[in-house]
Amino acid sequence: GHCISNTSRCDGYAQCRDGSDEAGCPPRGPNGQYCPTDRFTCNNTLCINKNWVCDGDNDCLDNSDETIELCRTVPCNSTYHFRY
């Protein structure tokens, strides 16, 4: 383990490898939102770049940015022909 600043807790960015610094945090934004509208809200309340959704990497640390249900709705880039 390691220590992080109190200001890093519940900021929407995982400083801890397991994302525990973002677990159980209250909503950070208006209307109960956790992330700004230009970022994707993970099920565990982490905020990631929307371009990272359905890119094959577990950026949310809980895999909520790579679910079949979510990625089924994302169109494939024209240079790719198959979904996995």
Protein backbone atom coordinates (compact mmCIF):
# COMPACT_ATOMS: atom_id res chain seq x y z
CA GLY A 1 0.00 0.00 0.00
CA HIS A 2 0.89 3.63 -0.20
CA CYS A 3 -0.43 6.93 1.07
CA ILE A 4 -2.21 9.55 -1.01
CA SER A 5 -3.24 13.10 -0.20
CA ASN A 6 -6.72 13.63 1.27
CA THR A 7 -7.42 15.96 -1.66
CA SER A 8 -6.93 12.99 -4.02
CA ARG A 9 -9.70 10.98 -2.35
CA CYS A 10 -13.01 11.08 -4.23
CA ASP A 11 -11.66 13.24 -7.05
CA GLY A 12 -12.77 10.87 -9.82
CA TYR A 13 -9.26 9.65 -10.61
CA ALA A 14 -7.88 6.39 -9.24
CA GLN A 15 -4.55 6.99 -7.56
CA CYS A 16 -4.67 3.57 -5.88
CA ARG A 17 -4.20 0.57 -8.18
CA ASP A 18 -7.44 -0.98 -6.95
CA GLY A 19 -9.41 2.28 -7.12
CA SER A 20 -10.12 2.18 -3.38
CA ASP A 21 -9.53 5.93 -3.07
CA GLU A 22 -12.74 6.40 -5.10
CA ALA A 23 -14.91 3.79 -3.36
CA GLY A 24 -18.01 4.97 -1.49
CA CYS A 25 -17.69 8.60 -2.56
CA PRO A 26 -20.67 10.96 -2.68
CA PRO A 27 -21.62 12.57 -6.02
CA ARG A 28 -19.22 15.35 -6.96
CA GLY A 29 -21.32 17.28 -9.46
CA PRO A 30 -24.76 18.82 -9.83
CA ASN A 31 -27.88 16.64 -10.03
CA GLY A 32 -26.10 13.73 -8.35
CA GLN A 33 -23.56 13.30 -11.14
CA TYR A 34 -20.12 11.93 -10.39
CA CYS A 35 -18.31 13.08 -13.54
CA PRO A 36 -18.36 16.08 -15.86
CA THR A 37 -20.42 15.53 -19.02
CA ASP A 38 -17.28 15.23 -21.14
CA ARG A 39 -16.14 12.13 -19.18
CA PHE A 40 -17.59 8.62 -18.79
CA THR A 41 -18.84 7.63 -15.33
CA CYS A 42 -17.78 4.11 -14.38
CA ASN A 43 -20.00 1.94 -12.18
CA ASN A 44 -17.49 2.48 -9.36
CA THR A 45 -17.77 6.30 -9.88
CA LEU A 46 -14.36 6.76 -11.51
CA CYS A 47 -14.32 9.29 -14.33
CA ILE A 48 -12.50 8.31 -17.51
CA ASN A 49 -11.99 9.78 -20.96
CA LYS A 50 -14.97 8.89 -23.18
CA ASN A 51 -12.53 7.77 -25.88
CA TRP A 52 -11.41 4.95 -23.58
CA VAL A 53 -14.89 3.35 -23.52
CA CYS A 54 -14.98 0.03 -25.41
CA ASP A 55 -11.31 0.24 -26.39
CA GLY A 56 -10.44 -3.20 -24.98
CA ASP A 57 -8.74 -1.86 -21.84
CA ASN A 58 -10.25 -2.06 -18.35
CA ASP A 59 -9.81 1.65 -17.62
CA CYS A 60 -12.56 1.73 -14.98
CA LEU A 61 -10.86 -1.04 -12.97
CA ASP A 62 -14.30 -2.69 -12.63
CA ASN A 63 -14.62 -3.38 -16.38
CA SER A 64 -17.79 -1.25 -16.63
CA ASP A 65 -16.28 0.59 -19.62
CA GLU A 66 -16.00 -2.70 -21.54
CA THR A 67 -19.34 -4.47 -20.99
CA ILE A 68 -20.99 -6.26 -23.90
CA GLU A 69 -24.20 -4.28 -23.36
CA LEU A 70 -22.39 -0.94 -23.54
CA CYS A 71 -20.00 -1.81 -26.36
CA ARG A 72 -22.75 -3.27 -28.52
CA THR A 73 -24.01 0.30 -29.04
CA VAL A 74 -20.61 1.76 -29.96
CA PRO A 75 -19.89 1.75 -33.71
CA CYS A 76 -16.61 0.16 -34.78
CA ASN A 77 -13.92 2.38 -36.24
CA SER A 78 -13.86 1.98 -40.03
CA THR A 79 -10.36 0.46 -39.86
CA TYR A 80 -11.71 -2.45 -37.81
CA HIS A 81 -14.14 -5.04 -39.07
CA PHE A 82 -14.88 -7.33 -36.12
CA ARG A 83 -16.06 -6.98 -32.56
CA TYR A 84 -14.65 -9.22 -29.87
